[in-house]
Amino acid sequence: MSARSVVAAAALAFAVALTPFRPAAADPNPVTPGDFRGYGFDQCLAPTQRAMDTWLNHSPFLSVGIYISGASRACRDQPNLTPAWISTQLRKGWRLLPITLGPQASCSTRFPRYGNDPVIVARPGADGTYQAARRQGRAEAVSAVAAADALGIGPGSTLWYDLEGFDDTNRNCRESALAFMSAWTNKLHGLDYVSGVYSSAGSGIEALDDARVERPGTYTMPDMIWIARWDGVANTSTPYVRDDGWLPGGRVKQYEGGHDETWGGVTINIDRNFLDVGRGSYAAPETHCGGVNLDFARFPALREPTDGRAPAANKVKALQCLLQERGVYDDKISGRYSPATIAAVQAWQADRGFPVSTTWSPANWVAAFAQGMDYAQKVGSTGFHVRRVQRALNAADPTLRRTVDGIFTRTTAADVRAYQRRVGISATGIVNPTTWERLRAGRA
């Protein structure tokens, strides 16, 4: 190395030494709730992580409402609600509904709650447009966005305003509430968030729908509505909203009020909800290894070619692709059960604790499809992890022949329960850690 090169290398090393270490940026939290159709709950106090994990693995719920801001919320203190709590729930598949409960309608009989929490100003003002209420709505939107941002709930997510029940026949009370909600929505849009409004079906929701239909353009409507209608029916219908209102993909219904539920030994007092938002049960298409098909009606054992007989090329391609994605095969995806393929098969078997063989068995198919993280999957889940479940179940039971679409439906849950009964575990229909363990072990 020349003297100039030595000097340059030393200078570079010195510069690197002085450069502060910056860890790689974490992936941003996903938009919430996104596309979802399924069950949810809400409660005042954000549950502990232990409670959330237990309910994820045992309850039917995959969505949770959390109070993040507002002077009138009952749980002003939220000791469990931190950025780490938010990112953990989103990573594990929970859909979050961040709620603000600030100024309430002036004719509400329950507010102010504390005496120092404001109500919506009901004065129409000189121009009759309830400018004071609009200013309050904008301020609450700014406050909600600040709270959301601090927690890691990013732009594109829906922020919900909780407008509790009121007398919607009281004109100034109703119109000031509508003006407040209109300003809330406009300000959220300006800050790149989606607007949602929660209210009782017979007051706030009815008032919104009447204004939408009878006085279009007078007020800006929220993007989504959350209907409090305790009729015990898990859907998003209500006679207080016309059939064309916030459909498709803009409704949540709270169909059962406060009560205790126990799942996995953990009891929480909750309201029950059903959500049908965004594109509902939607899973984005996925491709593997440039278009290799991984989905078949049957997944037979693959063996070394003998006497001119060789495994089906399409099944071998699927295996080669699967092993490539598992990091043990780096040769061409040829469809030939080649020595390189057999070496990858044996490497994978040894790594996963299976008997090492030149044969790729049905149990190996099940385990390789299930390989990965054991995030709970249940009705409402969509995407990559659901496809892992569906492929593993198809491989475990050749009679299923279910479509692999990445959408966990009630049919998927029935298939899971049948599998759980076969392998001797509790038949919940939820793919929890115990179920993942059985699948990764190749149990069929």
Protein backbone atom coordinates (compact mmCIF):
# COMPACT_ATOMS: atom_id res chain seq x y z
CA MET A 1 0.00 0.00 0.00
CA SER A 2 1.37 3.43 -0.90
CA ALA A 3 2.02 6.09 1.73
CA ARG A 4 -0.90 8.11 0.29
CA SER A 5 -3.19 5.07 0.59
CA VAL A 6 -2.12 4.47 4.17
CA VAL A 7 -2.86 8.10 5.06
CA ALA A 8 -6.26 7.95 3.32
CA ALA A 9 -7.19 4.71 5.09
CA ALA A 10 -6.17 6.15 8.46
CA ALA A 11 -8.22 9.29 7.82
CA LEU A 12 -11.25 7.20 6.88
CA ALA A 13 -10.89 5.06 10.01
CA PHE A 14 -10.60 8.19 12.15
CA ALA A 15 -13.73 9.69 10.56
CA VAL A 16 -15.68 6.48 11.10
CA ALA A 17 -14.58 6.39 14.72
CA LEU A 18 -15.93 9.91 15.24
CA THR A 19 -19.27 9.16 13.58
CA PRO A 20 -21.95 8.50 16.22
CA PHE A 21 -23.66 5.13 16.05
CA ARG A 22 -27.23 5.32 14.76
CA PRO A 23 -29.29 2.14 14.98
CA ALA A 24 -31.25 1.19 11.90
CA ALA A 25 -34.65 2.85 11.81
CA ALA A 26 -37.47 0.55 12.81
CA ASP A 27 -40.25 -0.10 10.36
CA PRO A 28 -43.08 2.37 10.89
CA ASN A 29 -46.22 1.13 12.57
CA PRO A 30 -48.94 0.09 10.12
CA VAL A 31 -51.98 2.26 9.54
CA THR A 32 -54.78 1.28 11.89
CA PRO A 33 -57.39 -0.18 11.68
CA GLY A 34 -56.75 -0.53 7.93
CA ASP A 35 -58.77 -3.16 6.10
CA PHE A 36 -60.61 -5.28 8.64
CA ARG A 37 -63.81 -7.23 9.14
CA GLY A 38 -64.17 -8.90 12.51
CA TYR A 39 -64.69 -8.56 16.23
CA GLY A 40 -63.36 -5.98 18.65
CA PHE A 41 -63.71 -4.69 22.18
CA ASP A 42 -63.15 -1.44 23.98
CA GLN A 43 -62.68 -0.52 27.61
CA CYS A 44 -61.68 2.59 29.49
CA LEU A 45 -58.23 1.58 30.73
CA ALA A 46 -55.79 0.13 28.19
CA PRO A 47 -55.13 -3.47 29.36
CA THR A 48 -51.75 -4.74 30.48
CA GLN A 49 -49.53 -6.52 27.99
CA ARG A 50 -50.20 -9.82 29.74
CA ALA A 51 -53.94 -9.31 29.35
CA MET A 52 -53.58 -8.34 25.69
CA ASP A 53 -51.45 -11.40 24.93
CA THR A 54 -53.86 -13.71 26.74
CA TRP A 55 -56.87 -12.31 24.92
CA LEU A 56 -55.05 -12.42 21.60
CA ASN A 57 -54.53 -16.16 22.04
CA HIS A 58 -57.92 -17.03 23.54
CA SER A 59 -60.61 -14.45 22.73
CA PRO A 60 -62.47 -13.87 19.44
CA PHE A 61 -61.33 -10.23 19.37
CA LEU A 62 -58.69 -8.72 17.12
CA SER A 63 -59.51 -5.03 17.54
CA VAL A 64 -59.32 -2.84 20.65
CA GLY A 65 -60.53 0.69 21.35
CA ILE A 66 -58.16 2.84 23.43
CA TYR A 67 -58.66 6.33 24.88
CA ILE A 68 -55.69 8.47 23.94
CA SER A 69 -56.86 12.06 24.59
CA GLY A 70 -59.68 14.34 25.71
CA ALA A 71 -60.40 16.12 28.98
CA SER A 72 -63.73 14.32 29.51
CA ARG A 73 -62.48 10.73 29.24
CA ALA A 74 -63.03 8.67 32.35
CA CYS A 75 -59.48 7.26 32.25
CA ARG A 76 -57.36 10.38 32.13
CA ASP A 77 -54.39 8.33 33.32
CA GLN A 78 -53.31 5.47 31.08
CA PRO A 79 -50.28 3.84 32.73
CA ASN A 80 -50.11 1.01 30.18
CA LEU A 81 -50.48 3.19 27.11
CA THR A 82 -46.96 3.80 25.75
CA PRO A 83 -45.35 3.82 22.29
CA ALA A 84 -43.99 0.34 23.06
CA TRP A 85 -47.50 -0.88 23.94
CA ILE A 86 -48.86 0.50 20.66
CA SER A 87 -46.12 -0.97 18.47
CA THR A 88 -46.34 -4.33 20.22
CA GLN A 89 -50.08 -4.67 19.64
CA LEU A 90 -49.82 -3.61 16.00
CA ARG A 91 -46.94 -6.02 15.38
CA LYS A 92 -48.95 -8.88 16.85
CA GLY A 93 -51.97 -8.15 14.66
CA TRP A 94 -54.27 -6.09 16.84
CA ARG A 95 -56.25 -3.32 15.08
CA LEU A 96 -56.39 -0.21 17.25
CA LEU A 97 -59.21 2.33 17.51
CA PRO A 98 -57.70 5.47 19.14
CA ILE A 99 -60.47 7.46 20.87
CA THR A 100 -60.75 11.09 21.99
CA LEU A 101 -63.42 12.10 24.49
CA GLY A 102 -63.30 15.87 24.78
CA PRO A 103 -66.05 18.53 24.85
CA GLN A 104 -69.52 17.02 24.73
CA ALA A 105 -72.85 18.29 23.43
CA SER A 106 -74.20 21.20 25.46
CA CYS A 107 -77.46 19.41 26.25
CA SER A 108 -75.86 16.19 27.45
CA THR A 109 -76.94 15.37 31.00
CA ARG A 110 -73.69 13.61 31.89
CA PHE A 111 -71.14 16.30 31.13
CA PRO A 112 -69.05 18.10 32.18
CA ARG A 113 -67.70 15.07 33.99
CA TYR A 114 -65.18 16.81 36.23
CA GLY A 115 -66.36 20.40 36.30
CA ASN A 116 -63.25 21.68 34.55
CA ASP A 117 -63.83 19.86 31.25
CA PRO A 118 -65.52 22.10 28.66
CA VAL A 119 -68.68 21.37 26.72
CA ILE A 120 -69.35 22.30 23.10
CA VAL A 121 -70.30 25.96 22.81
CA ALA A 122 -73.89 26.03 21.56
CA ARG A 123 -74.04 29.70 20.52
CA PRO A 124 -74.70 30.03 16.76
CA GLY A 125 -72.79 33.31 16.58
CA ALA A 126 -73.53 36.33 14.43
CA ASP A 127 -73.34 34.34 11.19
CA GLY A 128 -75.20 31.32 12.54
CA THR A 129 -72.38 28.87 11.73
CA TYR A 130 -71.30 27.98 15.29
CA GLN A 131 -67.75 29.23 14.87
CA ALA A 132 -66.91 28.73 18.57
CA ALA A 133 -67.85 25.04 18.32
CA ARG A 134 -65.80 24.73 15.15
CA ARG A 135 -62.75 26.20 16.87
CA GLN A 136 -63.17 23.61 19.62
CA GLY A 137 -63.40 20.83 17.05
CA ARG A 138 -60.20 21.93 15.34
CA ALA A 139 -58.38 22.17 18.68
CA GLU A 140 -59.45 18.65 19.66
CA ALA A 141 -58.22 17.32 16.31
CA VAL A 142 -54.82 18.94 16.83
CA SER A 143 -54.64 17.51 20.36
CA ALA A 144 -55.66 14.03 19.18
CA VAL A 145 -53.05 14.03 16.41
CA ALA A 146 -50.36 15.11 18.86
CA ALA A 147 -51.33 12.27 21.21
CA ALA A 148 -51.45 9.78 18.34
CA ASP A 149 -48.09 10.89 16.98
CA ALA A 150 -46.48 10.63 20.42
CA LEU A 151 -47.71 7.05 20.68
CA GLY A 152 -46.59 6.07 17.19
CA ILE A 153 -50.05 5.99 15.60
CA GLY A 154 -49.18 7.37 12.20
CA PRO A 155 -50.88 9.35 9.42
CA GLY A 156 -53.53 7.44 7.52
CA SER A 157 -54.87 5.93 10.73
CA THR A 158 -58.42 6.64 11.88
CA LEU A 159 -58.87 8.78 15.00
CA TRP A 160 -62.28 8.50 16.65
CA TYR A 161 -64.21 11.20 18.47
CA ASP A 162 -66.50 9.91 21.21
CA LEU A 163 -69.64 12.06 21.18
CA GLU A 164 -71.86 10.65 23.89
CA GLY A 165 -75.66 10.65 23.64
CA PHE A 166 -77.61 13.92 23.72
CA ASP A 167 -81.04 15.34 22.91
CA ASP A 168 -80.88 15.73 19.14
CA THR A 169 -84.21 17.60 19.10
CA ASN A 170 -82.46 20.55 20.78
CA ARG A 171 -81.53 22.59 17.70
CA ASN A 172 -78.56 24.61 18.98
CA CYS A 173 -77.19 21.61 20.86
CA ARG A 174 -77.44 19.42 17.76
CA GLU A 175 -76.14 21.97 15.26
CA SER A 176 -73.18 22.99 17.41
CA ALA A 177 -72.27 19.32 17.82
CA LEU A 178 -72.43 18.85 14.04
CA ALA A 179 -70.31 21.96 13.51
CA PHE A 180 -67.78 20.62 16.03
CA MET A 181 -67.62 17.25 14.25
CA SER A 182 -67.31 18.91 10.85
CA ALA A 183 -64.32 20.94 12.03
CA TRP A 184 -62.81 17.85 13.68
CA THR A 185 -62.99 16.01 10.36
CA ASN A 186 -61.64 18.88 8.27
CA LYS A 187 -58.69 19.40 10.59
CA LEU A 188 -57.85 15.69 10.71
CA HIS A 189 -57.86 15.61 6.92
CA GLY A 190 -55.45 18.55 6.88
CA LEU A 191 -53.16 16.61 9.22
CA ASP A 192 -53.34 13.43 7.08
CA TYR A 193 -55.48 11.36 9.43
CA VAL A 194 -58.83 9.68 8.82
CA SER A 195 -61.87 10.90 10.72
CA GLY A 196 -64.17 8.66 12.75
CA VAL A 197 -67.08 9.53 15.03
CA TYR A 198 -68.57 7.32 17.75
CA SER A 199 -72.04 8.14 19.05
CA SER A 200 -75.33 6.59 20.03
CA ALA A 201 -77.41 5.45 17.08
CA GLY A 202 -80.42 7.53 18.08
CA SER A 203 -78.65 10.85 18.67
CA GLY A 204 -75.24 11.67 17.19
CA ILE A 205 -75.29 9.03 14.45
CA GLU A 206 -78.86 9.82 13.42
CA ALA A 207 -78.06 13.55 13.37
CA LEU A 208 -75.05 12.95 11.16
CA ASP A 209 -76.99 10.81 8.72
CA ASP A 210 -79.90 13.26 8.56
CA ALA A 211 -77.48 16.11 7.80
CA ARG A 212 -75.70 13.98 5.19
CA VAL A 213 -78.92 13.24 3.31
CA GLU A 214 -81.13 16.26 3.95
CA ARG A 215 -78.52 19.04 3.95
CA PRO A 216 -75.60 17.81 1.84
CA GLY A 217 -72.59 20.10 1.98
CA THR A 218 -73.65 21.89 5.15
CA TYR A 219 -71.23 19.85 7.26
CA THR A 220 -68.24 17.69 6.39
CA MET A 221 -69.08 14.11 7.23
CA PRO A 222 -66.63 11.80 9.03
CA ASP A 223 -65.01 9.07 6.96
CA MET A 224 -66.27 6.38 9.33
CA ILE A 225 -68.95 6.03 11.97
CA TRP A 226 -68.99 3.91 15.12
CA ILE A 227 -72.59 3.16 16.02
CA ALA A 228 -73.55 2.51 19.64
CA ARG A 229 -76.56 0.21 19.18
CA TRP A 230 -76.79 -2.46 21.88
CA ASP A 231 -79.01 -4.88 20.00
CA GLY A 232 -76.76 -7.89 20.52
CA VAL A 233 -76.32 -8.42 16.77
CA ALA A 234 -72.72 -8.62 15.52
CA ASN A 235 -73.06 -6.63 12.31
CA THR A 236 -72.96 -2.95 11.33
CA SER A 237 -76.64 -2.41 10.57
CA THR A 238 -78.99 0.03 12.31
CA PRO A 239 -82.33 1.59 11.37
CA TYR A 240 -80.91 5.00 12.29
CA VAL A 241 -78.61 5.11 9.24
CA ARG A 242 -79.78 4.83 5.64
CA ASP A 243 -78.53 1.90 3.62
CA ASP A 244 -76.15 4.03 1.54
CA GLY A 245 -74.47 5.67 4.54
CA TRP A 246 -70.81 4.87 5.12
CA LEU A 247 -70.97 1.71 3.04
CA PRO A 248 -68.94 -0.14 2.06
CA GLY A 249 -66.15 -0.10 4.59
CA GLY A 250 -67.05 2.79 6.86
CA ARG A 251 -68.89 1.32 9.82
CA VAL A 252 -68.25 -0.08 13.27
CA LYS A 253 -71.07 -1.12 15.61
CA GLN A 254 -70.87 -1.42 19.36
CA TYR A 255 -73.51 -4.10 19.72
CA GLU A 256 -73.17 -4.93 23.42
CA GLY A 257 -72.49 -2.60 26.35
CA GLY A 258 -70.34 -2.91 29.42
CA HIS A 259 -69.97 -6.41 30.88
CA ASP A 260 -67.25 -8.72 32.16
CA GLU A 261 -65.71 -11.33 29.87
CA THR A 262 -63.06 -13.87 30.80
CA TRP A 263 -60.67 -15.42 28.28
CA GLY A 264 -57.66 -17.50 29.23
CA GLY A 265 -58.32 -16.72 32.87
CA VAL A 266 -58.15 -12.93 32.37
CA THR A 267 -61.30 -10.89 33.03
CA ILE A 268 -61.89 -7.44 31.50
CA ASN A 269 -64.99 -5.25 31.56
CA ILE A 270 -65.69 -4.43 27.92
CA ASP A 271 -68.07 -3.30 25.23
CA ARG A 272 -68.30 -5.60 22.20
CA ASN A 273 -67.90 -4.29 18.65
CA PHE A 274 -68.12 -5.55 15.10
CA LEU A 275 -66.03 -3.79 12.44
CA ASP A 276 -66.30 -3.67 8.68
CA VAL A 277 -63.82 -1.01 7.60
CA GLY A 278 -61.66 -0.25 4.59
CA ARG A 279 -61.75 -3.16 2.18
CA GLY A 280 -62.94 -5.47 4.94
CA SER A 281 -61.46 -8.97 4.75
CA TYR A 282 -58.72 -8.21 2.24
CA ALA A 283 -55.32 -9.79 1.73
CA ALA A 284 -52.92 -8.38 -0.83
CA PRO A 285 -51.77 -10.83 -3.50
CA GLU A 286 -48.38 -12.44 -2.95
CA THR A 287 -45.89 -14.14 -5.25
CA HIS A 288 -43.11 -16.60 -4.53
CA CYS A 289 -39.81 -17.07 -6.34
CA GLY A 290 -40.93 -15.22 -9.45
CA GLY A 291 -44.30 -16.94 -9.75
CA VAL A 292 -43.82 -20.46 -8.38
CA ASN A 293 -47.09 -22.05 -7.26
CA LEU A 294 -47.08 -23.25 -3.64
CA ASP A 295 -50.71 -24.31 -3.46
CA PHE A 296 -51.91 -27.78 -4.40
CA ALA A 297 -54.73 -30.13 -3.47
CA ARG A 298 -52.22 -32.68 -2.15
CA PHE A 299 -48.66 -32.51 -0.83
CA PRO A 300 -47.21 -36.02 -1.25
CA ALA A 301 -43.79 -37.24 -0.20
CA LEU A 302 -41.01 -36.42 -2.68
CA ARG A 303 -38.30 -39.06 -3.21
CA GLU A 304 -35.14 -39.53 -5.22
CA PRO A 305 -35.81 -40.45 -8.85
CA THR A 306 -35.60 -44.21 -9.44
CA ASP A 307 -36.17 -46.40 -12.50
CA GLY A 308 -37.08 -43.41 -14.61
CA ARG A 309 -39.70 -42.22 -12.15
CA ALA A 310 -39.29 -38.73 -10.71
CA PRO A 311 -41.40 -36.48 -8.48
CA ALA A 312 -43.76 -34.08 -10.26
CA ALA A 313 -41.84 -31.03 -11.41
CA ASN A 314 -44.40 -28.55 -10.08
CA LYS A 315 -44.19 -30.06 -6.58
CA VAL A 316 -40.39 -30.02 -6.69
CA LYS A 317 -40.42 -26.37 -7.77
CA ALA A 318 -42.68 -25.59 -4.82
CA LEU A 319 -40.26 -27.39 -2.51
CA GLN A 320 -37.21 -25.64 -3.98
CA CYS A 321 -38.92 -22.27 -3.61
CA LEU A 322 -39.97 -23.05 -0.03
CA LEU A 323 -36.44 -24.09 0.91
CA GLN A 324 -35.02 -21.04 -0.81
CA GLU A 325 -37.29 -18.83 1.27
CA ARG A 326 -36.17 -20.74 4.36
CA GLY A 327 -32.55 -19.95 3.52
CA VAL A 328 -31.23 -23.45 2.83
CA TYR A 329 -31.42 -23.71 -0.99
CA ASP A 330 -29.60 -21.37 -3.35
CA ASP A 331 -29.57 -23.35 -6.60
CA LYS A 332 -31.90 -22.97 -9.58
CA ILE A 333 -35.61 -23.64 -9.23
CA SER A 334 -35.53 -26.34 -11.88
CA GLY A 335 -38.26 -28.79 -10.89
CA ARG A 336 -35.62 -31.56 -10.69
CA TYR A 337 -35.16 -33.45 -7.44
CA SER A 338 -31.44 -32.94 -7.76
CA PRO A 339 -28.52 -33.59 -5.39
CA ALA A 340 -28.56 -29.90 -4.46
CA THR A 341 -32.25 -30.17 -3.62
CA ILE A 342 -31.65 -33.27 -1.49
CA ALA A 343 -28.80 -31.52 0.32
CA ALA A 344 -31.14 -28.62 1.11
CA VAL A 345 -33.85 -31.04 2.27
CA GLN A 346 -31.39 -32.70 4.65
CA ALA A 347 -30.06 -29.37 5.91
CA TRP A 348 -33.58 -28.20 6.69
CA GLN A 349 -34.51 -31.50 8.38
CA ALA A 350 -31.41 -31.40 10.56
CA ASP A 351 -32.01 -27.77 11.50
CA ARG A 352 -35.65 -28.37 12.44
CA GLY A 353 -35.09 -31.61 14.36
CA PHE A 354 -36.63 -34.03 11.83
CA PRO A 355 -35.10 -37.37 10.83
CA VAL A 356 -32.59 -36.67 8.09
CA SER A 357 -33.55 -38.42 4.88
CA THR A 358 -33.42 -38.09 1.12
CA THR A 359 -37.23 -38.01 1.22
CA TRP A 360 -39.30 -34.88 1.79
CA SER A 361 -42.27 -36.15 3.80
CA PRO A 362 -45.85 -34.86 4.23
CA ALA A 363 -44.90 -33.90 7.80
CA ASN A 364 -42.03 -31.85 6.38
CA TRP A 365 -44.50 -29.98 4.14
CA VAL A 366 -46.68 -29.13 7.13
CA ALA A 367 -43.78 -27.96 9.25
CA ALA A 368 -42.08 -25.92 6.53
CA PHE A 369 -45.29 -24.07 5.66
CA ALA A 370 -45.86 -23.29 9.36
CA GLN A 371 -42.27 -22.24 10.05
CA GLY A 372 -42.01 -18.71 11.45
CA MET A 373 -43.37 -16.53 14.22
CA ASP A 374 -46.33 -17.78 16.25
CA TYR A 375 -48.56 -14.70 16.08
CA ALA A 376 -52.14 -15.69 16.85
CA GLN A 377 -54.45 -15.99 13.85
CA LYS A 378 -58.24 -15.93 14.11
CA VAL A 379 -61.38 -14.73 12.33
CA GLY A 380 -60.50 -11.30 10.92
CA SER A 381 -56.79 -12.03 10.44
CA THR A 382 -55.45 -11.59 6.91
CA GLY A 383 -52.20 -11.81 5.01
CA PHE A 384 -48.96 -13.74 5.13
CA HIS A 385 -49.46 -15.53 8.45
CA VAL A 386 -52.94 -16.69 7.46
CA ARG A 387 -51.51 -18.19 4.27
CA ARG A 388 -48.98 -20.06 6.41
CA VAL A 389 -51.89 -21.54 8.36
CA GLN A 390 -53.93 -22.39 5.28
CA ARG A 391 -51.05 -24.10 3.48
CA ALA A 392 -50.04 -26.06 6.57
CA LEU A 393 -53.62 -27.22 7.12
CA ASN A 394 -53.97 -28.30 3.50
CA ALA A 395 -50.73 -30.25 3.77
CA ALA A 396 -51.85 -31.83 7.06
CA ASP A 397 -55.24 -32.91 5.72
CA PRO A 398 -55.37 -33.86 2.01
CA THR A 399 -59.19 -33.84 2.12
CA LEU A 400 -59.42 -30.11 2.80
CA ARG A 401 -58.32 -28.62 -0.52
CA ARG A 402 -59.18 -25.12 0.73
CA THR A 403 -58.30 -22.03 -1.29
CA VAL A 404 -55.24 -20.27 0.06
CA ASP A 405 -56.32 -16.63 -0.01
CA GLY A 406 -54.83 -15.17 3.16
CA ILE A 407 -58.25 -14.49 4.72
CA PHE A 408 -59.13 -16.18 8.00
CA THR A 409 -62.86 -16.87 7.75
CA ARG A 410 -65.25 -18.91 9.86
CA THR A 411 -64.49 -21.80 7.48
CA THR A 412 -60.79 -21.47 8.28
CA ALA A 413 -61.66 -21.47 11.98
CA ALA A 414 -63.64 -24.70 11.50
CA ASP A 415 -60.65 -26.29 9.77
CA VAL A 416 -58.42 -25.18 12.65
CA ARG A 417 -60.79 -26.68 15.22
CA ALA A 418 -60.82 -29.99 13.33
CA TYR A 419 -57.01 -30.00 13.29
CA GLN A 420 -56.81 -29.11 16.97
CA ARG A 421 -59.11 -32.00 17.87
CA ARG A 422 -57.01 -34.41 15.78
CA VAL A 423 -53.79 -33.48 17.54
CA GLY A 424 -55.35 -33.43 21.01
CA ILE A 425 -55.41 -29.76 21.95
CA SER A 426 -58.21 -27.37 22.87
CA ALA A 427 -60.42 -26.77 19.83
CA THR A 428 -60.69 -22.97 19.90
CA GLY A 429 -60.45 -22.18 16.19
CA ILE A 430 -57.62 -19.77 17.05
CA VAL A 431 -54.11 -20.55 15.86
CA ASN A 432 -52.33 -19.82 19.14
CA PRO A 433 -48.77 -20.76 20.17
CA THR A 434 -49.78 -24.33 21.07
CA THR A 435 -51.31 -24.83 17.62
CA TRP A 436 -48.29 -23.32 15.88
CA GLU A 437 -46.09 -25.71 17.87
CA ARG A 438 -48.03 -28.72 16.60
CA LEU A 439 -47.93 -27.47 13.03
CA ARG A 440 -44.21 -26.73 13.15
CA ALA A 441 -43.69 -30.27 14.49
CA GLY A 442 -45.42 -31.60 11.37
CA ARG A 443 -48.32 -33.12 13.26
CA ALA A 444 -51.11 -34.19 10.92
